Amino acid sequence: MKVLVLVVFLVLAMSLSSLAWREVSSAGYLTLSAAEKSEIIFRNCLENTSSADWFPRRERVKIYLESLCSTLRTPGDEMLLENSIFHAGYRRKLTHTIGTVAQVE
């Protein structure tokens, strides 16, 4: 019986501490401090720790055809939602897509 109670407690504790993905572009997010934004972004990164696949060659050509100005001017920390002749939907991160994520002090 004690083992069952312990297992139930552990399952509940793990589910309560789950790292749910949070948005990073709303007006509320933009008012947060840099430290709070950093923590949200890091937790979002921990939501999916699998490596991304390499993009096909035809997609990699877009690196040289897309302007970065719209990405740099977009408020928040989320890739731009765009409709262009190359892509419809959220802009795909084509450079530096595979790497290590860590926090430092």
PDB file of N, CA and C in Angstrom:
ATOM      1  N   MET A   1       0.823  -1.201   0.000  1.00  0.00           N
ATOM      2  CA  MET A   1       0.000   0.000   0.000  1.00  0.00           C
ATOM      3  C   MET A   1       0.862   1.259   0.000  1.00  0.00           C
ATOM      4  N   LYS A   2       1.947   1.243   0.821  1.00  0.00           N
ATOM      5  CA  LYS A   2       2.830   2.410   0.878  1.00  0.00           C
ATOM      6  C   LYS A   2       3.486   2.673  -0.471  1.00  0.00           C
ATOM      7  N   VAL A   3       3.823   1.603  -1.195  1.00  0.00           N
ATOM      8  CA  VAL A   3       4.448   1.753  -2.505  1.00  0.00           C
ATOM      9  C   VAL A   3       3.471   2.396  -3.483  1.00  0.00           C
ATOM     10  N   LEU A   4       2.227   1.961  -3.448  1.00  0.00           N
ATOM     11  CA  LEU A   4       1.202   2.527  -4.327  1.00  0.00           C
ATOM     12  C   LEU A   4       1.009   4.016  -4.045  1.00  0.00           C
ATOM     13  N   VAL A   5       0.952   4.393  -2.801  1.00  0.00           N
ATOM     14  CA  VAL A   5       0.804   5.808  -2.429  1.00  0.00           C
ATOM     15  C   VAL A   5       2.008   6.604  -2.916  1.00  0.00           C
ATOM     16  N   LEU A   6       3.200   6.052  -2.772  1.00  0.00           N
ATOM     17  CA  LEU A   6       4.416   6.728  -3.219  1.00  0.00           C
ATOM     18  C   LEU A   6       4.412   6.911  -4.730  1.00  0.00           C
ATOM     19  N   VAL A   7       4.008   5.884  -5.465  1.00  0.00           N
ATOM     20  CA  VAL A   7       3.948   5.963  -6.926  1.00  0.00           C
ATOM     21  C   VAL A   7       2.945   7.029  -7.355  1.00  0.00           C
ATOM     22  N   VAL A   8       1.765   7.035  -6.741  1.00  0.00           N
ATOM     23  CA  VAL A   8       0.749   8.048  -7.069  1.00  0.00           C
ATOM     24  C   VAL A   8       1.281   9.446  -6.770  1.00  0.00           C
ATOM     25  N   PHE A   9       1.938   9.606  -5.641  1.00  0.00           N
ATOM     26  CA  PHE A   9       2.514  10.909  -5.285  1.00  0.00           C
ATOM     27  C   PHE A   9       3.558  11.345  -6.306  1.00  0.00           C
ATOM     28  N   LEU A  10       4.439  10.444  -6.717  1.00  0.00           N
ATOM     29  CA  LEU A  10       5.476  10.784  -7.695  1.00  0.00           C
ATOM     30  C   LEU A  10       4.881  11.167  -9.044  1.00  0.00           C
ATOM     31  N   VAL A  11       3.873  10.434  -9.471  1.00  0.00           N
ATOM     32  CA  VAL A  11       3.216  10.760 -10.742  1.00  0.00           C
ATOM     33  C   VAL A  11       2.568  12.135 -10.676  1.00  0.00           C
ATOM     34  N   LEU A  12       1.886  12.427  -9.589  1.00  0.00           N
ATOM     35  CA  LEU A  12       1.267  13.745  -9.425  1.00  0.00           C
ATOM     36  C   LEU A  12       2.314  14.854  -9.380  1.00  0.00           C
ATOM     37  N   ALA A  13       3.391  14.622  -8.659  1.00  0.00           N
ATOM     38  CA  ALA A  13       4.454  15.630  -8.553  1.00  0.00           C
ATOM     39  C   ALA A  13       5.076  15.903  -9.909  1.00  0.00           C
ATOM     40  N   MET A  14       5.305  14.867 -10.692  1.00  0.00           N
ATOM     41  CA  MET A  14       5.909  15.055 -12.015  1.00  0.00           C
ATOM     42  C   MET A  14       4.949  15.772 -12.949  1.00  0.00           C
ATOM     43  N   SER A  15       3.665  15.475 -12.856  1.00  0.00           N
ATOM     44  CA  SER A  15       2.717  16.135 -13.747  1.00  0.00           C
ATOM     45  C   SER A  15       2.538  17.601 -13.381  1.00  0.00           C
ATOM     46  N   LEU A  16       2.621  17.940 -12.112  1.00  0.00           N
ATOM     47  CA  LEU A  16       2.479  19.338 -11.691  1.00  0.00           C
ATOM     48  C   LEU A  16       3.695  20.164 -12.077  1.00  0.00           C
ATOM     49  N   SER A  17       4.855  19.533 -12.134  1.00  0.00           N
ATOM     50  CA  SER A  17       6.065  20.272 -12.482  1.00  0.00           C
ATOM     51  C   SER A  17       6.357  20.203 -13.970  1.00  0.00           C
ATOM     52  N   SER A  18       5.397  19.746 -14.754  1.00  0.00           N
ATOM     53  CA  SER A  18       5.581  19.641 -16.201  1.00  0.00           C
ATOM     54  C   SER A  18       5.919  21.011 -16.784  1.00  0.00           C
ATOM     55  N   LEU A  19       6.775  20.995 -17.759  1.00  0.00           N
ATOM     56  CA  LEU A  19       7.198  22.239 -18.406  1.00  0.00           C
ATOM     57  C   LEU A  19       6.307  22.514 -19.609  1.00  0.00           C
ATOM     58  N   ALA A  20       5.216  23.185 -19.398  1.00  0.00           N
ATOM     59  CA  ALA A  20       4.298  23.473 -20.499  1.00  0.00           C
ATOM     60  C   ALA A  20       4.850  24.611 -21.345  1.00  0.00           C
ATOM     61  N   TRP A  21       4.765  24.458 -22.676  1.00  0.00           N
ATOM     62  CA  TRP A  21       5.253  25.480 -23.590  1.00  0.00           C
ATOM     63  C   TRP A  21       4.468  26.762 -23.374  1.00  0.00           C
ATOM     64  N   ARG A  22       5.173  27.897 -23.382  1.00  0.00           N
ATOM     65  CA  ARG A  22       4.535  29.204 -23.221  1.00  0.00           C
ATOM     66  C   ARG A  22       4.846  30.077 -24.427  1.00  0.00           C
ATOM     67  N   GLU A  23       3.889  30.905 -24.795  1.00  0.00           N
ATOM     68  CA  GLU A  23       4.086  31.796 -25.945  1.00  0.00           C
ATOM     69  C   GLU A  23       5.125  32.869 -25.605  1.00  0.00           C
ATOM     70  N   VAL A  24       5.746  33.417 -26.644  1.00  0.00           N
ATOM     71  CA  VAL A  24       6.828  34.375 -26.424  1.00  0.00           C
ATOM     72  C   VAL A  24       6.698  35.612 -27.321  1.00  0.00           C
ATOM     73  N   SER A  25       5.454  36.048 -27.538  1.00  0.00           N
ATOM     74  CA  SER A  25       5.300  37.243 -28.372  1.00  0.00           C
ATOM     75  C   SER A  25       4.118  38.129 -27.983  1.00  0.00           C
ATOM     76  N   SER A  26       3.399  37.793 -26.936  1.00  0.00           N
ATOM     77  CA  SER A  26       2.225  38.594 -26.552  1.00  0.00           C
ATOM     78  C   SER A  26       2.645  39.898 -25.874  1.00  0.00           C
ATOM     79  N   ALA A  27       1.700  40.785 -25.716  1.00  0.00           N
ATOM     80  CA  ALA A  27       1.966  42.051 -25.030  1.00  0.00           C
ATOM     81  C   ALA A  27       2.418  41.795 -23.594  1.00  0.00           C
ATOM     82  N   GLY A  28       1.810  40.820 -22.933  1.00  0.00           N
ATOM     83  CA  GLY A  28       2.207  40.473 -21.567  1.00  0.00           C
ATOM     84  C   GLY A  28       3.636  39.967 -21.497  1.00  0.00           C
ATOM     85  N   TYR A  29       4.024  39.139 -22.461  1.00  0.00           N
ATOM     86  CA  TYR A  29       5.387  38.614 -22.504  1.00  0.00           C
ATOM     87  C   TYR A  29       6.394  39.754 -22.704  1.00  0.00           C
ATOM     88  N   LEU A  30       6.067  40.678 -23.584  1.00  0.00           N
ATOM     89  CA  LEU A  30       6.992  41.770 -23.897  1.00  0.00           C
ATOM     90  C   LEU A  30       7.279  42.662 -22.691  1.00  0.00           C
ATOM     91  N   THR A  31       6.384  42.689 -21.709  1.00  0.00           N
ATOM     92  CA  THR A  31       6.601  43.529 -20.525  1.00  0.00           C
ATOM     93  C   THR A  31       7.443  42.829 -19.456  1.00  0.00           C
ATOM     94  N   LEU A  32       7.736  41.548 -19.612  1.00  0.00           N
ATOM     95  CA  LEU A  32       8.529  40.808 -18.614  1.00  0.00           C
ATOM     96  C   LEU A  32       9.983  41.260 -18.617  1.00  0.00           C
ATOM     97  N   SER A  33      10.666  40.983 -17.530  1.00  0.00           N
ATOM     98  CA  SER A  33      12.097  41.303 -17.451  1.00  0.00           C
ATOM     99  C   SER A  33      12.889  40.325 -18.321  1.00  0.00           C
ATOM    100  N   ALA A  34      14.123  40.673 -18.616  1.00  0.00           N
ATOM    101  CA  ALA A  34      14.987  39.804 -19.420  1.00  0.00           C
ATOM    102  C   ALA A  34      15.178  38.451 -18.742  1.00  0.00           C
ATOM    103  N   ALA A  35      15.306  38.445 -17.420  1.00  0.00           N
ATOM    104  CA  ALA A  35      15.498  37.191 -16.680  1.00  0.00           C
ATOM    105  C   ALA A  35      14.260  36.295 -16.801  1.00  0.00           C
ATOM    106  N   GLU A  36      13.077  36.893 -16.718  1.00  0.00           N
ATOM    107  CA  GLU A  36      11.841  36.111 -16.843  1.00  0.00           C
ATOM    108  C   GLU A  36      11.692  35.550 -18.262  1.00  0.00           C
ATOM    109  N   LYS A  37      12.014  36.377 -19.267  1.00  0.00           N
ATOM    110  CA  LYS A  37      11.950  35.915 -20.656  1.00  0.00           C
ATOM    111  C   LYS A  37      12.946  34.783 -20.890  1.00  0.00           C
ATOM    112  N   SER A  38      14.136  34.926 -20.353  1.00  0.00           N
ATOM    113  CA  SER A  38      15.164  33.888 -20.500  1.00  0.00           C
ATOM    114  C   SER A  38      14.697  32.555 -19.928  1.00  0.00           C
ATOM    115  N   GLU A  39      14.061  32.602 -18.771  1.00  0.00           N
ATOM    116  CA  GLU A  39      13.570  31.377 -18.128  1.00  0.00           C
ATOM    117  C   GLU A  39      12.476  30.723 -18.963  1.00  0.00           C
ATOM    118  N   ILE A  40      11.569  31.522 -19.512  1.00  0.00           N
ATOM    119  CA  ILE A  40      10.491  30.980 -20.356  1.00  0.00           C
ATOM    120  C   ILE A  40      11.068  30.337 -21.606  1.00  0.00           C
ATOM    121  N   ILE A  41      12.001  31.020 -22.254  1.00  0.00           N
ATOM    122  CA  ILE A  41      12.602  30.483 -23.479  1.00  0.00           C
ATOM    123  C   ILE A  41      13.343  29.184 -23.182  1.00  0.00           C
ATOM    124  N   PHE A  42      14.094  29.147 -22.075  1.00  0.00           N
ATOM    125  CA  PHE A  42      14.831  27.930 -21.730  1.00  0.00           C
ATOM    126  C   PHE A  42      13.876  26.773 -21.450  1.00  0.00           C
ATOM    127  N   ARG A  43      12.798  27.037 -20.724  1.00  0.00           N
ATOM    128  CA  ARG A  43      11.812  25.974 -20.449  1.00  0.00           C
ATOM    129  C   ARG A  43      11.149  25.505 -21.737  1.00  0.00           C
ATOM    130  N   ASN A  44      10.894  26.423 -22.659  1.00  0.00           N
ATOM    131  CA  ASN A  44      10.337  26.034 -23.958  1.00  0.00           C
ATOM    132  C   ASN A  44      11.306  25.128 -24.713  1.00  0.00           C
ATOM    133  N   CYS A  45      12.582  25.431 -24.627  1.00  0.00           N
ATOM    134  CA  CYS A  45      13.588  24.585 -25.285  1.00  0.00           C
ATOM    135  C   CYS A  45      13.598  23.181 -24.691  1.00  0.00           C
ATOM    136  N   LEU A  46      13.373  23.068 -23.396  1.00  0.00           N
ATOM    137  CA  LEU A  46      13.376  21.764 -22.737  1.00  0.00           C
ATOM    138  C   LEU A  46      12.130  20.936 -23.060  1.00  0.00           C
ATOM    139  N   GLU A  47      11.102  21.565 -23.610  1.00  0.00           N
ATOM    140  CA  GLU A  47       9.884  20.849 -23.971  1.00  0.00           C
ATOM    141  C   GLU A  47      10.147  19.781 -25.026  1.00  0.00           C
ATOM    142  N   ASN A  48      11.055  20.058 -25.939  1.00  0.00           N
ATOM    143  CA  ASN A  48      11.366  19.097 -26.997  1.00  0.00           C
ATOM    144  C   ASN A  48      12.884  19.073 -27.165  1.00  0.00           C
ATOM    145  N   THR A  49      13.515  18.028 -26.679  1.00  0.00           N
ATOM    146  CA  THR A  49      14.979  17.940 -26.729  1.00  0.00           C
ATOM    147  C   THR A  49      15.473  17.105 -27.902  1.00  0.00           C
ATOM    148  N   SER A  50      14.581  16.726 -28.808  1.00  0.00           N
ATOM    149  CA  SER A  50      15.010  15.941 -29.960  1.00  0.00           C
ATOM    150  C   SER A  50      15.675  16.856 -30.986  1.00  0.00           C
ATOM    151  N   SER A  51      16.586  16.286 -31.745  1.00  0.00           N
ATOM    152  CA  SER A  51      17.307  17.023 -32.771  1.00  0.00           C
ATOM    153  C   SER A  51      16.408  17.228 -33.987  1.00  0.00           C
ATOM    154  N   ALA A  52      16.552  18.350 -34.633  1.00  0.00           N
ATOM    155  CA  ALA A  52      15.789  18.615 -35.858  1.00  0.00           C
ATOM    156  C   ALA A  52      16.445  17.901 -37.028  1.00  0.00           C
ATOM    157  N   ASP A  53      15.656  17.593 -38.033  1.00  0.00           N
ATOM    158  CA  ASP A  53      16.208  17.012 -39.258  1.00  0.00           C
ATOM    159  C   ASP A  53      16.857  18.116 -40.078  1.00  0.00           C
ATOM    160  N   TRP A  54      17.789  17.722 -40.930  1.00  0.00           N
ATOM    161  CA  TRP A  54      18.371  18.670 -41.869  1.00  0.00           C
ATOM    162  C   TRP A  54      17.330  18.999 -42.921  1.00  0.00           C
ATOM    163  N   PHE A  55      17.324  20.245 -43.378  1.00  0.00           N
ATOM    164  CA  PHE A  55      16.391  20.640 -44.422  1.00  0.00           C
ATOM    165  C   PHE A  55      16.885  20.111 -45.764  1.00  0.00           C
ATOM    166  N   PRO A  56      15.964  19.786 -46.673  1.00  0.00           N
ATOM    167  CA  PRO A  56      16.374  19.370 -48.020  1.00  0.00           C
ATOM    168  C   PRO A  56      17.098  20.512 -48.726  1.00  0.00           C
ATOM    169  N   ARG A  57      17.906  20.186 -49.703  1.00  0.00           N
ATOM    170  CA  ARG A  57      18.696  21.211 -50.427  1.00  0.00           C
ATOM    171  C   ARG A  57      17.820  22.326 -50.979  1.00  0.00           C
ATOM    172  N   ARG A  58      16.669  21.970 -51.530  1.00  0.00           N
ATOM    173  CA  ARG A  58      15.808  23.002 -52.129  1.00  0.00           C
ATOM    174  C   ARG A  58      15.352  24.019 -51.084  1.00  0.00           C
ATOM    175  N   GLU A  59      15.236  23.606 -49.826  1.00  0.00           N
ATOM    176  CA  GLU A  59      14.862  24.530 -48.747  1.00  0.00           C
ATOM    177  C   GLU A  59      16.055  25.366 -48.311  1.00  0.00           C
ATOM    178  N   ARG A  60      17.240  24.765 -48.312  1.00  0.00           N
ATOM    179  CA  ARG A  60      18.431  25.496 -47.865  1.00  0.00           C
ATOM    180  C   ARG A  60      18.766  26.665 -48.788  1.00  0.00           C
ATOM    181  N   VAL A  61      18.353  26.605 -50.035  1.00  0.00           N
ATOM    182  CA  VAL A  61      18.593  27.708 -50.982  1.00  0.00           C
ATOM    183  C   VAL A  61      17.921  28.984 -50.484  1.00  0.00           C
ATOM    184  N   LYS A  62      16.827  28.845 -49.748  1.00  0.00           N
ATOM    185  CA  LYS A  62      16.085  30.005 -49.244  1.00  0.00           C
ATOM    186  C   LYS A  62      16.917  30.876 -48.311  1.00  0.00           C
ATOM    187  N   ILE A  63      17.959  30.307 -47.730  1.00  0.00           N
ATOM    188  CA  ILE A  63      18.834  31.084 -46.843  1.00  0.00           C
ATOM    189  C   ILE A  63      19.353  32.320 -47.575  1.00  0.00           C
ATOM    190  N   TYR A  64      19.640  32.163 -48.842  1.00  0.00           N
ATOM    191  CA  TYR A  64      20.225  33.257 -49.624  1.00  0.00           C
ATOM    192  C   TYR A  64      19.178  34.160 -50.260  1.00  0.00           C
ATOM    193  N   LEU A  65      17.924  33.785 -50.189  1.00  0.00           N
ATOM    194  CA  LEU A  65      16.875  34.544 -50.859  1.00  0.00           C
ATOM    195  C   LEU A  65      15.982  35.336 -49.915  1.00  0.00           C
ATOM    196  N   GLU A  66      15.990  35.009 -48.639  1.00  0.00           N
ATOM    197  CA  GLU A  66      15.099  35.679 -47.688  1.00  0.00           C
ATOM    198  C   GLU A  66      15.807  36.835 -46.978  1.00  0.00           C
ATOM    199  N   SER A  67      15.051  37.877 -46.722  1.00  0.00           N
ATOM    200  CA  SER A  67      15.565  39.013 -45.964  1.00  0.00           C
ATOM    201  C   SER A  67      15.447  38.719 -44.475  1.00  0.00           C
ATOM    202  N   LEU A  68      16.440  39.118 -43.698  1.00  0.00           N
ATOM    203  CA  LEU A  68      16.390  38.942 -42.248  1.00  0.00           C
ATOM    204  C   LEU A  68      15.755  40.138 -41.544  1.00  0.00           C
ATOM    205  N   CYS A  69      15.509  41.212 -42.273  1.00  0.00           N
ATOM    206  CA  CYS A  69      14.968  42.427 -41.655  1.00  0.00           C
ATOM    207  C   CYS A  69      13.658  42.161 -40.928  1.00  0.00           C
ATOM    208  N   SER A  70      12.763  41.405 -41.538  1.00  0.00           N
ATOM    209  CA  SER A  70      11.467  41.157 -40.897  1.00  0.00           C
ATOM    210  C   SER A  70      11.632  40.348 -39.616  1.00  0.00           C
ATOM    211  N   THR A  71      12.582  39.432 -39.577  1.00  0.00           N
ATOM    212  CA  THR A  71      12.825  38.652 -38.365  1.00  0.00           C
ATOM    213  C   THR A  71      13.363  39.542 -37.258  1.00  0.00           C
ATOM    214  N   LEU A  72      14.259  40.445 -37.587  1.00  0.00           N
ATOM    215  CA  LEU A  72      14.867  41.321 -36.585  1.00  0.00           C
ATOM    216  C   LEU A  72      13.883  42.366 -36.069  1.00  0.00           C
ATOM    217  N   ARG A  73      12.881  42.711 -36.859  1.00  0.00           N
ATOM    218  CA  ARG A  73      11.923  43.740 -36.458  1.00  0.00           C
ATOM    219  C   ARG A  73      10.678  43.180 -35.775  1.00  0.00           C
ATOM    220  N   THR A  74      10.509  41.868 -35.767  1.00  0.00           N
ATOM    221  CA  THR A  74       9.332  41.253 -35.167  1.00  0.00           C
ATOM    222  C   THR A  74       9.420  41.320 -33.653  1.00  0.00           C
ATOM    223  N   PRO A  75       8.380  41.858 -32.978  1.00  0.00           N
ATOM    224  CA  PRO A  75       8.419  41.918 -31.511  1.00  0.00           C
ATOM    225  C   PRO A  75       8.316  40.517 -30.909  1.00  0.00           C
ATOM    226  N   GLY A  76       8.987  40.313 -29.811  1.00  0.00           N
ATOM    227  CA  GLY A  76       8.942  39.023 -29.137  1.00  0.00           C
ATOM    228  C   GLY A  76      10.077  38.118 -29.586  1.00  0.00           C
ATOM    229  N   ASP A  77       9.989  36.871 -29.191  1.00  0.00           N
ATOM    230  CA  ASP A  77      11.050  35.914 -29.452  1.00  0.00           C
ATOM    231  C   ASP A  77      10.535  34.702 -30.214  1.00  0.00           C
ATOM    232  N   GLU A  78       9.679  34.937 -31.182  1.00  0.00           N
ATOM    233  CA  GLU A  78       9.088  33.866 -31.969  1.00  0.00           C
ATOM    234  C   GLU A  78       9.328  34.154 -33.438  1.00  0.00           C
ATOM    235  N   MET A  79       9.546  33.101 -34.212  1.00  0.00           N
ATOM    236  CA  MET A  79       9.767  33.295 -35.641  1.00  0.00           C
ATOM    237  C   MET A  79       8.519  33.929 -36.260  1.00  0.00           C
ATOM    238  N   LEU A  80       8.734  34.736 -37.233  1.00  0.00           N
ATOM    239  CA  LEU A  80       7.704  35.533 -37.894  1.00  0.00           C
ATOM    240  C   LEU A  80       6.688  34.669 -38.635  1.00  0.00           C
ATOM    241  N   LEU A  81       5.420  35.027 -38.518  1.00  0.00           N
ATOM    242  CA  LEU A  81       4.366  34.407 -39.315  1.00  0.00           C
ATOM    243  C   LEU A  81       4.331  35.164 -40.637  1.00  0.00           C
ATOM    244  N   GLU A  82       4.573  34.451 -41.738  1.00  0.00           N
ATOM    245  CA  GLU A  82       4.662  35.146 -43.022  1.00  0.00           C
ATOM    246  C   GLU A  82       4.037  34.328 -44.142  1.00  0.00           C
ATOM    247  N   ASN A  83       3.649  35.017 -45.146  1.00  0.00           N
ATOM    248  CA  ASN A  83       3.186  34.405 -46.386  1.00  0.00           C
ATOM    249  C   ASN A  83       4.018  35.002 -47.500  1.00  0.00           C
ATOM    250  N   SER A  84       4.882  34.184 -48.074  1.00  0.00           N
ATOM    251  CA  SER A  84       5.736  34.657 -49.156  1.00  0.00           C
ATOM    252  C   SER A  84       5.684  33.642 -50.292  1.00  0.00           C
ATOM    253  N   ILE A  85       6.391  33.930 -51.344  1.00  0.00           N
ATOM    254  CA  ILE A  85       6.412  32.976 -52.458  1.00  0.00           C
ATOM    255  C   ILE A  85       7.181  31.714 -52.073  1.00  0.00           C
ATOM    256  N   PHE A  86       7.964  31.788 -50.982  1.00  0.00           N
ATOM    257  CA  PHE A  86       8.756  30.642 -50.559  1.00  0.00           C
ATOM    258  C   PHE A  86       8.083  29.796 -49.495  1.00  0.00           C
ATOM    259  N   HIS A  87       7.260  30.432 -48.665  1.00  0.00           N
ATOM    260  CA  HIS A  87       6.737  29.706 -47.506  1.00  0.00           C
ATOM    261  C   HIS A  87       5.499  30.400 -46.960  1.00  0.00           C
ATOM    262  N   ALA A  88       4.540  29.604 -46.503  1.00  0.00           N
ATOM    263  CA  ALA A  88       3.358  30.149 -45.820  1.00  0.00           C
ATOM    264  C   ALA A  88       3.314  29.552 -44.425  1.00  0.00           C
ATOM    265  N   GLY A  89       3.209  30.390 -43.421  1.00  0.00           N
ATOM    266  CA  GLY A  89       3.202  29.945 -42.036  1.00  0.00           C
ATOM    267  C   GLY A  89       4.352  30.576 -41.282  1.00  0.00           C
ATOM    268  N   TYR A  90       4.746  29.959 -40.162  1.00  0.00           N
ATOM    269  CA  TYR A  90       5.854  30.507 -39.393  1.00  0.00           C
ATOM    270  C   TYR A  90       7.150  30.334 -40.158  1.00  0.00           C
ATOM    271  N   ARG A  91       7.960  31.367 -40.152  1.00  0.00           N
ATOM    272  CA  ARG A  91       9.242  31.318 -40.835  1.00  0.00           C
ATOM    273  C   ARG A  91      10.094  30.213 -40.235  1.00  0.00           C
ATOM    274  N   ARG A  92      10.697  29.421 -41.074  1.00  0.00           N
ATOM    275  CA  ARG A  92      11.509  28.303 -40.614  1.00  0.00           C
ATOM    276  C   ARG A  92      12.923  28.777 -40.344  1.00  0.00           C
ATOM    277  N   LYS A  93      13.501  28.297 -39.279  1.00  0.00           N
ATOM    278  CA  LYS A  93      14.877  28.645 -38.930  1.00  0.00           C
ATOM    279  C   LYS A  93      15.798  27.743 -39.737  1.00  0.00           C
ATOM    280  N   LEU A  94      16.448  28.306 -40.740  1.00  0.00           N
ATOM    281  CA  LEU A  94      17.266  27.519 -41.656  1.00  0.00           C
ATOM    282  C   LEU A  94      18.751  27.510 -41.283  1.00  0.00           C
ATOM    283  N   THR A  95      19.186  28.490 -40.496  1.00  0.00           N
ATOM    284  CA  THR A  95      20.606  28.517 -40.119  1.00  0.00           C
ATOM    285  C   THR A  95      20.753  28.158 -38.649  1.00  0.00           C
ATOM    286  N   HIS A  96      21.819  27.481 -38.323  1.00  0.00           N
ATOM    287  CA  HIS A  96      22.130  27.089 -36.943  1.00  0.00           C
ATOM    288  C   HIS A  96      20.951  26.354 -36.299  1.00  0.00           C
ATOM    289  N   THR A  97      20.407  25.376 -36.998  1.00  0.00           N
ATOM    290  CA  THR A  97      19.219  24.681 -36.506  1.00  0.00           C
ATOM    291  C   THR A  97      19.540  23.566 -35.516  1.00  0.00           C
ATOM    292  N   ILE A  98      20.770  23.117 -35.462  1.00  0.00           N
ATOM    293  CA  ILE A  98      21.151  22.027 -34.557  1.00  0.00           C
ATOM    294  C   ILE A  98      22.256  22.526 -33.652  1.00  0.00           C
ATOM    295  N   GLY A  99      22.084  22.369 -32.356  1.00  0.00           N
ATOM    296  CA  GLY A  99      23.112  22.847 -31.425  1.00  0.00           C
ATOM    297  C   GLY A  99      22.773  22.481 -29.994  1.00  0.00           C
ATOM    298  N   THR A 100      23.471  23.107 -29.091  1.00  0.00           N
ATOM    299  CA  THR A 100      23.311  22.854 -27.666  1.00  0.00           C
ATOM    300  C   THR A 100      22.658  24.068 -27.022  1.00  0.00           C
ATOM    301  N   VAL A 101      21.777  23.809 -26.070  1.00  0.00           N
ATOM    302  CA  VAL A 101      21.109  24.877 -25.341  1.00  0.00           C
ATOM    303  C   VAL A 101      21.484  24.737 -23.865  1.00  0.00           C
ATOM    304  N   ALA A 102      21.926  25.827 -23.266  1.00  0.00           N
ATOM    305  CA  ALA A 102      22.311  25.795 -21.843  1.00  0.00           C
ATOM    306  C   ALA A 102      22.127  27.176 -21.249  1.00  0.00           C
ATOM    307  N   GLN A 103      22.039  27.232 -19.931  1.00  0.00           N
ATOM    308  CA  GLN A 103      21.993  28.506 -19.236  1.00  0.00           C
ATOM    309  C   GLN A 103      23.324  28.703 -18.524  1.00  0.00           C
ATOM    310  N   VAL A 104      23.801  29.925 -18.510  1.00  0.00           N
ATOM    311  CA  VAL A 104      25.037  30.257 -17.810  1.00  0.00           C
ATOM    312  C   VAL A 104      24.790  31.439 -16.890  1.00  0.00           C
ATOM    313  N   GLU A 105      25.635  31.577 -15.906  1.00  0.00           N
ATOM    314  CA  GLU A 105      25.515  32.716 -14.989  1.00  0.00           C
ATOM    315  C   GLU A 105      26.600  33.721 -15.263  1.00  0.00           C
TER     316      GLU A 105
END
